[in-house]
Amino acid sequence: MNGLKTSLKVGMQILESLAQANTRPVPVRELAEKLGQSEKYLEQLLLPLRRARLVSSTRGPHGGYRLARPPAYITLVEIVQLMQGPLTFCDCPSRRCGECVSPSLWQSLEDCLESSIASITLADAIADRPRAVPKRMVLGPTWVQDGLGI
């Protein structure tokens, strides 16, 4: 993983803006002005969001985009996987490639990360609710302390 993609960051800003608008359709032009992005770029990001049924669109003079379901029912893992791609530490085509030391460890970390962000909703992210990180996590030997220790 090499950090957050711009598409994820802007996608989250789109979803936050739509959540703040409640059920009012928000035109792409309004989103572009608010977010400082081009309408064309936002349309490119809205397409996969619509296909994934995270947003819906309405045509016409009073049309635009809105969330397809309440923010409390949209998980961060849905958004991240859609906009960022799979959560991987080991990007080898096969887990048996021989290049990675302890592929099962990387798979465990991926699973842990995925389940953690699956428990966070868009509503949590918008409200900036702090999430507790375990003080101590043991993955075999007691070498991992104060979070992941990585």
Protein backbone atom coordinates (compact mmCIF):
# COMPACT_ATOMS: atom_id res chain seq x y z
CA MET A 1 0.00 0.00 0.00
CA ASN A 2 1.38 3.36 -1.00
CA GLY A 3 -0.93 5.79 0.79
CA LEU A 4 -4.33 7.08 -0.15
CA LYS A 5 -5.16 7.70 -3.79
CA THR A 6 -6.51 11.10 -4.75
CA SER A 7 -9.62 9.36 -6.09
CA LEU A 8 -10.35 8.01 -2.59
CA LYS A 9 -9.80 11.40 -0.95
CA VAL A 10 -12.01 13.24 -3.45
CA GLY A 11 -14.55 10.39 -3.40
CA MET A 12 -14.85 10.80 0.36
CA GLN A 13 -15.32 14.55 -0.09
CA ILE A 14 -18.09 13.88 -2.62
CA LEU A 15 -19.84 11.49 -0.25
CA GLU A 16 -19.50 13.92 2.65
CA SER A 17 -21.01 16.72 0.55
CA LEU A 18 -23.92 14.52 -0.50
CA ALA A 19 -24.48 13.45 3.11
CA GLN A 20 -24.59 17.08 4.22
CA ALA A 21 -27.19 17.82 1.54
CA ASN A 22 -29.43 15.14 3.09
CA THR A 23 -31.80 13.98 0.36
CA ARG A 24 -31.48 17.06 -1.88
CA PRO A 25 -29.93 16.19 -5.26
CA VAL A 26 -26.61 18.01 -5.67
CA PRO A 27 -25.63 18.99 -9.22
CA VAL A 28 -22.10 18.16 -10.36
CA ARG A 29 -21.49 21.87 -10.98
CA GLU A 30 -22.17 22.60 -7.30
CA LEU A 31 -19.87 19.78 -6.19
CA ALA A 32 -17.14 21.04 -8.53
CA GLU A 33 -17.33 24.54 -7.08
CA LYS A 34 -17.38 23.31 -3.49
CA LEU A 35 -14.53 20.82 -3.90
CA GLY A 36 -12.40 22.82 -6.33
CA GLN A 37 -12.37 20.00 -8.88
CA SER A 38 -13.42 19.85 -12.52
CA GLU A 39 -16.90 18.59 -13.36
CA LYS A 40 -15.35 16.03 -15.74
CA TYR A 41 -13.16 14.55 -12.98
CA LEU A 42 -16.07 14.38 -10.54
CA GLU A 43 -18.22 12.65 -13.17
CA GLN A 44 -15.45 10.04 -13.54
CA LEU A 45 -15.55 9.42 -9.78
CA LEU A 46 -19.33 9.47 -9.53
CA LEU A 47 -19.72 6.76 -12.17
CA PRO A 48 -18.25 3.90 -10.05
CA LEU A 49 -20.04 5.28 -6.96
CA ARG A 50 -23.31 5.07 -8.87
CA ARG A 51 -22.55 1.61 -10.26
CA ALA A 52 -21.78 0.40 -6.72
CA ARG A 53 -25.11 1.90 -5.62
CA LEU A 54 -23.52 4.23 -3.10
CA VAL A 55 -25.04 7.23 -4.88
CA SER A 56 -28.04 7.67 -7.12
CA SER A 57 -28.70 10.30 -9.75
CA THR A 58 -31.71 12.27 -10.88
CA ARG A 59 -31.90 13.89 -14.31
CA GLY A 60 -33.43 17.20 -15.17
CA PRO A 61 -33.14 20.85 -14.18
CA HIS A 62 -33.42 20.03 -10.46
CA GLY A 63 -31.39 16.85 -10.73
CA GLY A 64 -28.08 15.80 -9.36
CA TYR A 65 -26.57 13.17 -7.10
CA ARG A 66 -27.53 12.02 -3.63
CA LEU A 67 -26.55 9.17 -1.34
CA ALA A 68 -28.37 5.97 -2.20
CA ARG A 69 -28.65 5.07 1.49
CA PRO A 70 -28.02 6.80 4.81
CA PRO A 71 -24.36 7.43 5.77
CA ALA A 72 -24.72 5.05 8.72
CA TYR A 73 -25.30 2.22 6.22
CA ILE A 74 -22.30 2.88 4.00
CA THR A 75 -19.08 1.34 5.28
CA LEU A 76 -15.61 2.68 4.82
CA VAL A 77 -14.46 -0.66 3.42
CA GLU A 78 -16.97 -0.31 0.56
CA ILE A 79 -15.64 3.13 -0.29
CA VAL A 80 -11.96 2.24 0.07
CA GLN A 81 -12.17 -0.92 -2.02
CA LEU A 82 -14.12 0.89 -4.72
CA MET A 83 -11.97 4.02 -4.93
CA GLN A 84 -8.56 2.71 -3.77
CA GLY A 85 -8.66 -0.92 -4.81
CA PRO A 86 -7.98 -4.03 -2.76
CA LEU A 87 -6.24 -3.63 0.60
CA THR A 88 -2.99 -5.47 0.03
CA PHE A 89 0.43 -5.50 1.59
CA CYS A 90 1.70 -8.29 -0.63
CA ASP A 91 0.78 -7.64 -4.25
CA CYS A 92 2.26 -10.82 -5.66
CA PRO A 93 -0.02 -12.60 -8.12
CA SER A 94 0.32 -15.75 -6.04
CA ARG A 95 0.79 -16.07 -2.29
CA ARG A 96 3.26 -18.85 -3.08
CA CYS A 97 5.62 -16.70 -5.16
CA GLY A 98 8.53 -17.11 -2.76
CA GLU A 99 9.35 -13.38 -2.70
CA CYS A 100 7.36 -12.51 0.43
CA VAL A 101 8.51 -13.55 3.85
CA SER A 102 5.57 -15.03 5.74
CA PRO A 103 2.69 -14.50 3.28
CA SER A 104 0.23 -15.65 5.96
CA LEU A 105 1.29 -12.71 8.16
CA TRP A 106 0.55 -10.22 5.37
CA GLN A 107 -2.80 -11.92 4.74
CA SER A 108 -3.63 -11.67 8.46
CA LEU A 109 -2.75 -7.96 8.47
CA GLU A 110 -4.90 -7.38 5.37
CA ASP A 111 -7.81 -9.20 7.02
CA CYS A 112 -7.35 -7.19 10.23
CA LEU A 113 -7.30 -3.89 8.34
CA GLU A 114 -10.33 -4.85 6.25
CA SER A 115 -12.40 -5.89 9.27
CA SER A 116 -11.38 -2.73 11.12
CA ILE A 117 -12.53 -0.37 8.38
CA ALA A 118 -15.63 -2.48 7.76
CA SER A 119 -16.76 -1.45 11.24
CA ILE A 120 -16.51 2.27 10.38
CA THR A 121 -19.35 3.96 8.54
CA LEU A 122 -19.45 7.06 6.41
CA ALA A 123 -21.40 8.67 9.27
CA ASP A 124 -18.49 7.86 11.64
CA ALA A 125 -15.96 9.34 9.21
CA ILE A 126 -17.97 12.52 8.66
CA ALA A 127 -18.46 12.99 12.41
CA ASP A 128 -14.72 12.35 12.90
CA ARG A 129 -15.47 9.91 15.69
CA PRO A 130 -12.20 8.69 17.19
CA ARG A 131 -11.61 4.96 17.00
CA ALA A 132 -9.78 3.12 19.75
CA VAL A 133 -6.65 1.24 18.67
CA PRO A 134 -5.84 -1.76 20.85
CA LYS A 135 -3.07 -0.94 23.31
CA ARG A 136 -1.56 -4.34 22.88
CA MET A 137 -2.00 -6.82 20.09
CA VAL A 138 -0.31 -10.20 20.21
CA LEU A 139 0.36 -12.05 16.96
CA GLY A 140 2.35 -14.94 18.38
CA PRO A 141 5.37 -13.66 20.34
CA THR A 142 4.72 -10.62 22.51
CA TRP A 143 6.69 -8.26 20.27
CA VAL A 144 3.75 -6.15 19.09
CA GLN A 145 2.83 -3.50 21.64
CA ASP A 146 1.13 -0.08 21.53
CA GLY A 147 -0.86 -0.67 18.35
CA LEU A 148 0.50 -2.58 15.40
CA GLY A 149 4.13 -1.73 16.17
CA ILE A 150 4.98 -1.48 12.50
